[in-house]
């Protein structure tokens, strides 16, 4: 699996064996500046210039939770190895 962030406000989860997109994650209202994939591939965390991070379920592309609190864009994000912490 590979994951990309874009100025089109989305993240795309890719199949690296054939280069075909598996799922497009839509929900940010502005550019996605960073993203992180959990070690097991089940979760994505995305950071956006809409001042939020979104935690996603990769199996169906639905947002699990939107993290709000920044007063300006969020430039990056990470998940701990066990995906219990968003950094």
Protein backbone atom coordinates (compact mmCIF):
# COMPACT_ATOMS: atom_id res chain seq x y z
CA UNK A 1 0.00 0.00 0.00
CA UNK A 2 1.01 3.60 -0.60
CA UNK A 3 -0.68 6.82 0.48
CA UNK A 4 -0.59 10.29 -1.07
CA UNK A 5 -1.88 13.74 -0.06
CA UNK A 6 -3.01 16.36 -2.55
CA UNK A 7 -3.99 19.97 -3.15
CA UNK A 8 -7.29 18.57 -4.49
CA UNK A 9 -8.34 18.11 -0.80
CA UNK A 10 -8.00 14.31 -0.91
CA UNK A 11 -5.75 11.43 0.08
CA UNK A 12 -5.46 8.40 -2.18
CA UNK A 13 -4.64 4.89 -1.00
CA UNK A 14 -2.78 3.05 -3.75
CA UNK A 15 -2.11 -0.57 -4.63
CA UNK A 16 1.64 -0.56 -5.19
CA UNK A 17 1.66 -3.80 -7.18
CA UNK A 18 -0.40 -2.37 -10.06
CA UNK A 19 -0.46 1.39 -9.37
CA UNK A 20 -4.25 1.52 -9.28
CA UNK A 21 -6.00 3.66 -6.64
CA UNK A 22 -7.83 1.57 -4.05
CA UNK A 23 -9.75 4.38 -2.39
CA UNK A 24 -9.97 8.16 -2.42
CA UNK A 25 -10.53 9.78 0.98
CA UNK A 26 -12.70 12.89 0.64
CA UNK A 27 -13.74 15.20 3.45
CA UNK A 28 -11.21 17.98 3.91
CA UNK A 29 -12.27 21.46 2.86
CA UNK A 30 -8.79 22.53 1.75
CA UNK A 31 -5.44 21.08 0.68
CA UNK A 32 -4.22 17.93 2.40
CA UNK A 33 -0.64 18.67 3.44
CA UNK A 34 0.32 15.34 5.02
CA UNK A 35 -0.93 11.88 5.76
CA UNK A 36 0.07 8.74 7.63
CA UNK A 37 -0.89 5.09 7.21
CA UNK A 38 -1.08 2.76 10.20
CA UNK A 39 1.28 -0.22 10.21
CA UNK A 40 -1.63 -2.63 9.70
CA UNK A 41 -3.10 -0.52 6.87
CA UNK A 42 -6.46 -0.12 8.58
CA UNK A 43 -6.24 3.58 9.45
CA UNK A 44 -5.14 6.81 7.80
CA UNK A 45 -4.55 10.13 9.52
CA UNK A 46 -4.58 13.21 7.28
CA UNK A 47 -3.51 16.81 8.01
CA UNK A 48 -4.97 19.74 6.11
CA UNK A 49 -4.80 23.46 5.53
CA UNK A 50 -8.44 23.50 6.68
CA UNK A 51 -6.93 23.40 10.23
CA UNK A 52 -8.02 19.81 10.94
CA UNK A 53 -6.77 16.25 11.01
CA UNK A 54 -9.09 13.43 10.03
CA UNK A 55 -8.76 9.79 11.11
CA UNK A 56 -10.06 7.47 8.37
CA UNK A 57 -11.13 3.84 8.08
CA UNK A 58 -9.33 2.51 4.99
CA UNK A 59 -11.70 -0.42 4.45
CA UNK A 60 -14.60 1.82 3.42
CA UNK A 61 -13.08 5.33 3.29
CA UNK A 62 -15.27 6.78 6.01
CA UNK A 63 -13.99 9.35 8.49
CA UNK A 64 -13.83 8.02 12.05
CA UNK A 65 -13.10 11.34 13.75
CA UNK A 66 -12.19 14.90 12.85
CA UNK A 67 -9.61 16.46 15.17
CA UNK A 68 -10.12 20.22 15.57
CA UNK A 69 -8.25 22.79 17.61
CA UNK A 70 -5.52 24.28 15.45
CA UNK A 71 -5.86 27.94 14.58
CA UNK A 72 -3.96 27.55 11.30
CA UNK A 73 -3.11 24.83 8.80
CA UNK A 74 -1.84 21.47 10.00
CA UNK A 75 1.35 20.70 8.09
CA UNK A 76 1.90 17.08 9.04
CA UNK A 77 0.80 14.16 11.15
CA UNK A 78 1.88 10.69 12.24
CA UNK A 79 0.49 7.61 13.94
CA UNK A 80 2.27 5.65 16.65
CA UNK A 81 3.31 2.09 15.74
CA UNK A 82 0.20 0.65 17.42
CA UNK A 83 -2.01 3.47 15.98
CA UNK A 84 -3.25 4.36 19.46
CA UNK A 85 -1.68 7.83 19.35
CA UNK A 86 -1.98 10.55 16.74
CA UNK A 87 1.11 12.73 16.63
